[in-house]
PDB file of N, CA and C in Angstrom:
ATOM      1  N   MET A   1      24.173  -7.318 142.159  1.00  0.00           N
ATOM      2  CA  MET A   1      22.748  -7.468 141.912  1.00  0.00           C
ATOM      3  C   MET A   1      22.402  -8.942 142.095  1.00  0.00           C
ATOM      4  N   SER A   2      21.369  -9.205 142.827  1.00  0.00           N
ATOM      5  CA  SER A   2      20.970 -10.596 143.068  1.00  0.00           C
ATOM      6  C   SER A   2      20.160 -11.116 141.880  1.00  0.00           C
ATOM      7  N   GLY A   3      19.971 -12.405 141.875  1.00  0.00           N
ATOM      8  CA  GLY A   3      19.208 -13.034 140.800  1.00  0.00           C
ATOM      9  C   GLY A   3      17.778 -12.547 140.766  1.00  0.00           C
ATOM     10  N   ASP A   4      17.179 -12.376 141.955  1.00  0.00           N
ATOM     11  CA  ASP A   4      15.785 -11.907 142.022  1.00  0.00           C
ATOM     12  C   ASP A   4      15.656 -10.497 141.458  1.00  0.00           C
ATOM     13  N   GLN A   5      16.636  -9.653 141.762  1.00  0.00           N
ATOM     14  CA  GLN A   5      16.605  -8.282 141.261  1.00  0.00           C
ATOM     15  C   GLN A   5      16.747  -8.269 139.736  1.00  0.00           C
ATOM     16  N   ALA A   6      17.630  -9.131 139.241  1.00  0.00           N
ATOM     17  CA  ALA A   6      17.843  -9.200 137.801  1.00  0.00           C
ATOM     18  C   ALA A   6      16.574  -9.654 137.086  1.00  0.00           C
ATOM     19  N   VAL A   7      15.924 -10.670 137.644  1.00  0.00           N
ATOM     20  CA  VAL A   7      14.685 -11.174 137.050  1.00  0.00           C
ATOM     21  C   VAL A   7      13.612 -10.094 137.096  1.00  0.00           C
ATOM     22  N   SER A   8      13.524  -9.393 138.211  1.00  0.00           N
ATOM     23  CA  SER A   8      12.531  -8.332 138.360  1.00  0.00           C
ATOM     24  C   SER A   8      12.794  -7.210 137.359  1.00  0.00           C
ATOM     25  N   LEU A   9      14.051  -6.800 137.225  1.00  0.00           N
ATOM     26  CA  LEU A   9      14.399  -5.746 136.285  1.00  0.00           C
ATOM     27  C   LEU A   9      14.134  -6.183 134.846  1.00  0.00           C
ATOM     28  N   PHE A  10      14.487  -7.424 134.529  1.00  0.00           N
ATOM     29  CA  PHE A  10      14.228  -7.943 133.181  1.00  0.00           C
ATOM     30  C   PHE A  10      12.733  -7.984 132.902  1.00  0.00           C
ATOM     31  N   SER A  11      11.954  -8.426 133.872  1.00  0.00           N
ATOM     32  CA  SER A  11      10.505  -8.507 133.709  1.00  0.00           C
ATOM     33  C   SER A  11       9.909  -7.115 133.469  1.00  0.00           C
ATOM     34  N   LYS A  12      10.406  -6.138 134.239  1.00  0.00           N
ATOM     35  CA  LYS A  12       9.917  -4.763 134.082  1.00  0.00           C
ATOM     36  C   LYS A  12      10.281  -4.238 132.690  1.00  0.00           C
ATOM     37  N   THR A  13      11.496  -4.485 132.246  1.00  0.00           N
ATOM     38  CA  THR A  13      11.941  -4.042 130.928  1.00  0.00           C
ATOM     39  C   THR A  13      11.126  -4.712 129.829  1.00  0.00           C
ATOM     40  N   LEU A  14      10.869  -6.004 129.994  1.00  0.00           N
ATOM     41  CA  LEU A  14      10.079  -6.741 129.016  1.00  0.00           C
ATOM     42  C   LEU A  14       8.659  -6.189 128.934  1.00  0.00           C
ATOM     43  N   THR A  15       8.061  -5.894 130.072  1.00  0.00           N
ATOM     44  CA  THR A  15       6.710  -5.335 130.114  1.00  0.00           C
ATOM     45  C   THR A  15       6.674  -3.971 129.427  1.00  0.00           C
ATOM     46  N   GLN A  16       7.673  -3.128 129.700  1.00  0.00           N
ATOM     47  CA  GLN A  16       7.728  -1.814 129.060  1.00  0.00           C
ATOM     48  C   GLN A  16       7.874  -1.958 127.546  1.00  0.00           C
ATOM     49  N   SER A  17       8.696  -2.880 127.127  1.00  0.00           N
ATOM     50  CA  SER A  17       8.908  -3.109 125.698  1.00  0.00           C
ATOM     51  C   SER A  17       7.624  -3.583 125.022  1.00  0.00           C
ATOM     52  N   MET A  18       6.912  -4.481 125.679  1.00  0.00           N
ATOM     53  CA  MET A  18       5.651  -4.990 125.120  1.00  0.00           C
ATOM     54  C   MET A  18       4.619  -3.865 125.040  1.00  0.00           C
ATOM     55  N   SER A  19       4.576  -3.008 126.056  1.00  0.00           N
ATOM     56  CA  SER A  19       3.641  -1.881 126.047  1.00  0.00           C
ATOM     57  C   SER A  19       3.978  -0.919 124.918  1.00  0.00           C
ATOM     58  N   LEU A  20       5.260  -0.645 124.756  1.00  0.00           N
ATOM     59  CA  LEU A  20       5.684   0.247 123.682  1.00  0.00           C
ATOM     60  C   LEU A  20       5.335  -0.344 122.322  1.00  0.00           C
ATOM     61  N   ASN A  21       5.561  -1.634 122.145  1.00  0.00           N
ATOM     62  CA  ASN A  21       5.220  -2.292 120.886  1.00  0.00           C
ATOM     63  C   ASN A  21       3.725  -2.218 120.609  1.00  0.00           C
ATOM     64  N   ARG A  22       2.907  -2.372 121.650  1.00  0.00           N
ATOM     65  CA  ARG A  22       1.450  -2.293 121.487  1.00  0.00           C
ATOM     66  C   ARG A  22       1.048  -0.876 121.081  1.00  0.00           C
ATOM     67  N   ILE A  23       1.646   0.118 121.713  1.00  0.00           N
ATOM     68  CA  ILE A  23       1.335   1.518 121.387  1.00  0.00           C
ATOM     69  C   ILE A  23       1.725   1.825 119.947  1.00  0.00           C
ATOM     70  N   ILE A  24       2.892   1.388 119.541  1.00  0.00           N
ATOM     71  CA  ILE A  24       3.354   1.619 118.171  1.00  0.00           C
ATOM     72  C   ILE A  24       2.436   0.917 117.182  1.00  0.00           C
ATOM     73  N   SER A  25       2.041  -0.296 117.508  1.00  0.00           N
ATOM     74  CA  SER A  25       1.150  -1.052 116.626  1.00  0.00           C
ATOM     75  C   SER A  25      -0.205  -0.356 116.475  1.00  0.00           C
ATOM     76  N   GLU A  26      -0.744   0.147 117.578  1.00  0.00           N
ATOM     77  CA  GLU A  26      -2.013   0.866 117.525  1.00  0.00           C
ATOM     78  C   GLU A  26      -1.890   2.146 116.708  1.00  0.00           C
ATOM     79  N   ARG A  27      -0.774   2.854 116.894  1.00  0.00           N
ATOM     80  CA  ARG A  27      -0.546   4.088 116.137  1.00  0.00           C
ATOM     81  C   ARG A  27      -0.464   3.783 114.637  1.00  0.00           C
ATOM     82  N   ASP A  28       0.227   2.712 114.290  1.00  0.00           N
ATOM     83  CA  ASP A  28       0.342   2.322 112.886  1.00  0.00           C
ATOM     84  C   ASP A  28      -1.019   1.952 112.296  1.00  0.00           C
ATOM     85  N   ALA A  29      -1.836   1.262 113.081  1.00  0.00           N
ATOM     86  CA  ALA A  29      -3.168   0.872 112.605  1.00  0.00           C
ATOM     87  C   ALA A  29      -4.029   2.113 112.354  1.00  0.00           C
ATOM     88  N   VAL A  30      -3.956   3.082 113.256  1.00  0.00           N
ATOM     89  CA  VAL A  30      -4.720   4.324 113.086  1.00  0.00           C
ATOM     90  C   VAL A  30      -4.231   5.070 111.845  1.00  0.00           C
ATOM     91  N   SER A  31      -2.935   5.103 111.667  1.00  0.00           N
ATOM     92  CA  SER A  31      -2.352   5.777 110.509  1.00  0.00           C
ATOM     93  C   SER A  31      -2.787   5.103 109.209  1.00  0.00           C
ATOM     94  N   GLN A  32      -2.761   3.791 109.176  1.00  0.00           N
ATOM     95  CA  GLN A  32      -3.181   3.057 107.975  1.00  0.00           C
ATOM     96  C   GLN A  32      -4.666   3.286 107.684  1.00  0.00           C
ATOM     97  N   ALA A  33      -5.481   3.307 108.728  1.00  0.00           N
ATOM     98  CA  ALA A  33      -6.915   3.545 108.549  1.00  0.00           C
ATOM     99  C   ALA A  33      -7.147   4.949 107.995  1.00  0.00           C
ATOM    100  N   ARG A  34      -6.395   5.935 108.505  1.00  0.00           N
ATOM    101  CA  ARG A  34      -6.529   7.309 108.026  1.00  0.00           C
ATOM    102  C   ARG A  34      -6.119   7.398 106.559  1.00  0.00           C
ATOM    103  N   GLU A  35      -5.025   6.749 106.200  1.00  0.00           N
ATOM    104  CA  GLU A  35      -4.565   6.778 104.811  1.00  0.00           C
ATOM    105  C   GLU A  35      -5.576   6.113 103.878  1.00  0.00           C
ATOM    106  N   ALA A  36      -6.175   5.020 104.315  1.00  0.00           N
ATOM    107  CA  ALA A  36      -7.177   4.334 103.492  1.00  0.00           C
ATOM    108  C   ALA A  36      -8.412   5.218 103.313  1.00  0.00           C
ATOM    109  N   LYS A  37      -8.839   5.871 104.376  1.00  0.00           N
ATOM    110  CA  LYS A  37     -10.013   6.740 104.299  1.00  0.00           C
ATOM    111  C   LYS A  37      -9.727   7.930 103.388  1.00  0.00           C
ATOM    112  N   THR A  38      -8.527   8.499 103.503  1.00  0.00           N
ATOM    113  CA  THR A  38      -8.149   9.623 102.658  1.00  0.00           C
ATOM    114  C   THR A  38      -8.148   9.214 101.191  1.00  0.00           C
ATOM    115  N   ALA A  39      -7.613   8.043 100.903  1.00  0.00           N
ATOM    116  CA  ALA A  39      -7.577   7.556  99.516  1.00  0.00           C
ATOM    117  C   ALA A  39      -8.996   7.342  98.986  1.00  0.00           C
ATOM    118  N   ARG A  40      -9.862   6.776  99.826  1.00  0.00           N
ATOM    119  CA  ARG A  40     -11.247   6.536  99.407  1.00  0.00           C
ATOM    120  C   ARG A  40     -11.964   7.858  99.141  1.00  0.00           C
ATOM    121  N   LEU A  41     -11.784   8.828 100.037  1.00  0.00           N
ATOM    122  CA  LEU A  41     -12.426  10.128  99.851  1.00  0.00           C
ATOM    123  C   LEU A  41     -11.868  10.847  98.627  1.00  0.00           C
ATOM    124  N   ARG A  42     -10.574  10.705  98.362  1.00  0.00           N
ATOM    125  CA  ARG A  42      -9.976  11.317  97.177  1.00  0.00           C
ATOM    126  C   ARG A  42     -10.593  10.727  95.912  1.00  0.00           C
ATOM    127  N   GLU A  43     -10.744   9.404  95.892  1.00  0.00           N
ATOM    128  CA  GLU A  43     -11.355   8.756  94.729  1.00  0.00           C
ATOM    129  C   GLU A  43     -12.787   9.245  94.517  1.00  0.00           C
ATOM    130  N   LEU A  44     -13.534   9.355  95.597  1.00  0.00           N
ATOM    131  CA  LEU A  44     -14.916   9.844  95.483  1.00  0.00           C
ATOM    132  C   LEU A  44     -14.952  11.282  94.975  1.00  0.00           C
ATOM    133  N   ARG A  45     -14.042  12.122  95.477  1.00  0.00           N
ATOM    134  CA  ARG A  45     -13.994  13.519  95.047  1.00  0.00           C
ATOM    135  C   ARG A  45     -13.641  13.620  93.564  1.00  0.00           C
ATOM    136  N   LEU A  46     -12.643  12.857  93.139  1.00  0.00           N
ATOM    137  CA  LEU A  46     -12.245  12.898  91.732  1.00  0.00           C
ATOM    138  C   LEU A  46     -13.368  12.399  90.830  1.00  0.00           C
ATOM    139  N   GLU A  47     -14.087  11.374  91.278  1.00  0.00           N
ATOM    140  CA  GLU A  47     -15.216  10.859  90.504  1.00  0.00           C
ATOM    141  C   GLU A  47     -16.312  11.918  90.384  1.00  0.00           C
ATOM    142  N   LYS A  48     -16.603  12.595  91.497  1.00  0.00           N
ATOM    143  CA  LYS A  48     -17.626  13.642  91.481  1.00  0.00           C
ATOM    144  C   LYS A  48     -17.205  14.799  90.582  1.00  0.00           C
ATOM    145  N   GLU A  49     -15.926  15.191  90.664  1.00  0.00           N
ATOM    146  CA  GLU A  49     -15.447  16.279  89.815  1.00  0.00           C
ATOM    147  C   GLU A  49     -15.561  15.903  88.338  1.00  0.00           C
ATOM    148  N   ALA A  50     -15.253  14.664  87.997  1.00  0.00           N
ATOM    149  CA  ALA A  50     -15.376  14.209  86.607  1.00  0.00           C
ATOM    150  C   ALA A  50     -16.836  14.237  86.167  1.00  0.00           C
ATOM    151  N   ASP A  51     -17.745  13.788  87.042  1.00  0.00           N
ATOM    152  CA  ASP A  51     -19.178  13.831  86.724  1.00  0.00           C
ATOM    153  C   ASP A  51     -19.652  15.268  86.533  1.00  0.00           C
ATOM    154  N   ASP A  52     -19.176  16.172  87.395  1.00  0.00           N
ATOM    155  CA  ASP A  52     -19.563  17.583  87.286  1.00  0.00           C
ATOM    156  C   ASP A  52     -19.070  18.180  85.973  1.00  0.00           C
ATOM    157  N   ARG A  53     -17.845  17.836  85.580  1.00  0.00           N
ATOM    158  CA  ARG A  53     -17.313  18.341  84.306  1.00  0.00           C
ATOM    159  C   ARG A  53     -18.126  17.802  83.137  1.00  0.00           C
ATOM    160  N   ALA A  54     -18.471  16.526  83.197  1.00  0.00           N
ATOM    161  CA  ALA A  54     -19.257  15.921  82.116  1.00  0.00           C
ATOM    162  C   ALA A  54     -20.632  16.577  82.033  1.00  0.00           C
ATOM    163  N   THR A  55     -21.238  16.844  83.154  1.00  0.00           N
ATOM    164  CA  THR A  55     -22.542  17.501  83.185  1.00  0.00           C
ATOM    165  C   THR A  55     -22.443  18.915  82.619  1.00  0.00           C
ATOM    166  N   ALA A  56     -21.384  19.637  82.987  1.00  0.00           N
ATOM    167  CA  ALA A  56     -21.193  21.003  82.495  1.00  0.00           C
ATOM    168  C   ALA A  56     -20.967  20.993  80.987  1.00  0.00           C
ATOM    169  N   LEU A  57     -20.193  20.049  80.490  1.00  0.00           N
ATOM    170  CA  LEU A  57     -19.955  19.959  79.046  1.00  0.00           C
ATOM    171  C   LEU A  57     -21.241  19.615  78.296  1.00  0.00           C
ATOM    172  N   ALA A  58     -22.027  18.717  78.866  1.00  0.00           N
ATOM    173  CA  ALA A  58     -23.291  18.332  78.227  1.00  0.00           C
ATOM    174  C   ALA A  58     -24.243  19.519  78.204  1.00  0.00           C
ATOM    175  N   ALA A  59     -24.284  20.288  79.285  1.00  0.00           N
ATOM    176  CA  ALA A  59     -25.165  21.450  79.346  1.00  0.00           C
ATOM    177  C   ALA A  59     -24.701  22.521  78.363  1.00  0.00           C
ATOM    178  N   ALA A  60     -23.403  22.675  78.187  1.00  0.00           N
ATOM    179  CA  ALA A  60     -22.870  23.671  77.267  1.00  0.00           C
ATOM    180  C   ALA A  60     -23.141  23.285  75.819  1.00  0.00           C
ATOM    181  N   ALA A  61     -23.253  21.997  75.555  1.00  0.00           N
ATOM    182  CA  ALA A  61     -23.478  21.521  74.196  1.00  0.00           C
ATOM    183  C   ALA A  61     -24.940  21.659  73.764  1.00  0.00           C
ATOM    184  N   LEU A  62     -25.852  21.818  74.708  1.00  0.00           N
ATOM    185  CA  LEU A  62     -27.269  21.964  74.368  1.00  0.00           C
ATOM    186  C   LEU A  62     -27.504  23.324  73.727  1.00  0.00           C
ATOM    187  N   PRO A  63     -28.432  23.386  72.760  1.00  0.00           N
ATOM    188  CA  PRO A  63     -28.737  24.696  72.163  1.00  0.00           C
ATOM    189  C   PRO A  63     -29.399  25.591  73.200  1.00  0.00           C
ATOM    190  N   LYS A  64     -29.050  26.861  73.149  1.00  0.00           N
ATOM    191  CA  LYS A  64     -29.597  27.804  74.125  1.00  0.00           C
ATOM    192  C   LYS A  64     -30.946  28.307  73.651  1.00  0.00           C
ATOM    193  N   ARG A  65     -31.837  28.484  74.592  1.00  0.00           N
ATOM    194  CA  ARG A  65     -33.153  29.029  74.271  1.00  0.00           C
ATOM    195  C   ARG A  65     -33.066  30.541  74.250  1.00  0.00           C
ATOM    196  N   THR A  66     -33.829  31.132  73.359  1.00  0.00           N
ATOM    197  CA  THR A  66     -33.798  32.600  73.253  1.00  0.00           C
ATOM    198  C   THR A  66     -34.787  33.246  74.213  1.00  0.00           C
ATOM    199  N   GLY A  67     -35.748  32.491  74.646  1.00  0.00           N
ATOM    200  CA  GLY A  67     -36.733  33.033  75.576  1.00  0.00           C
ATOM    201  C   GLY A  67     -37.935  33.631  74.866  1.00  0.00           C
ATOM    202  N   LYS A  68     -37.915  33.752  73.546  1.00  0.00           N
ATOM    203  CA  LYS A  68     -39.038  34.303  72.785  1.00  0.00           C
ATOM    204  C   LYS A  68     -39.892  33.176  72.254  1.00  0.00           C
ATOM    205  N   ARG A  69     -41.198  33.408  72.184  1.00  0.00           N
ATOM    206  CA  ARG A  69     -42.121  32.398  71.653  1.00  0.00           C
ATOM    207  C   ARG A  69     -42.981  32.974  70.612  1.00  0.00           C
TER     208      ARG A  69
END
């Protein structure tokens, strides 16, 4: 193998490696963004469920009307 061929092969390998690293980095960023969004939505859901339970308990504690006047 000549020096030029070796340099060309090394350059091609380096380019492929850099492309793979970029793809992996992008995939990781998308994954992290998805995990953050999921965590945020989970927190919002749990907060809403707690509010709904509190509202239901407050409504249950109110005296019931008989409907007669």
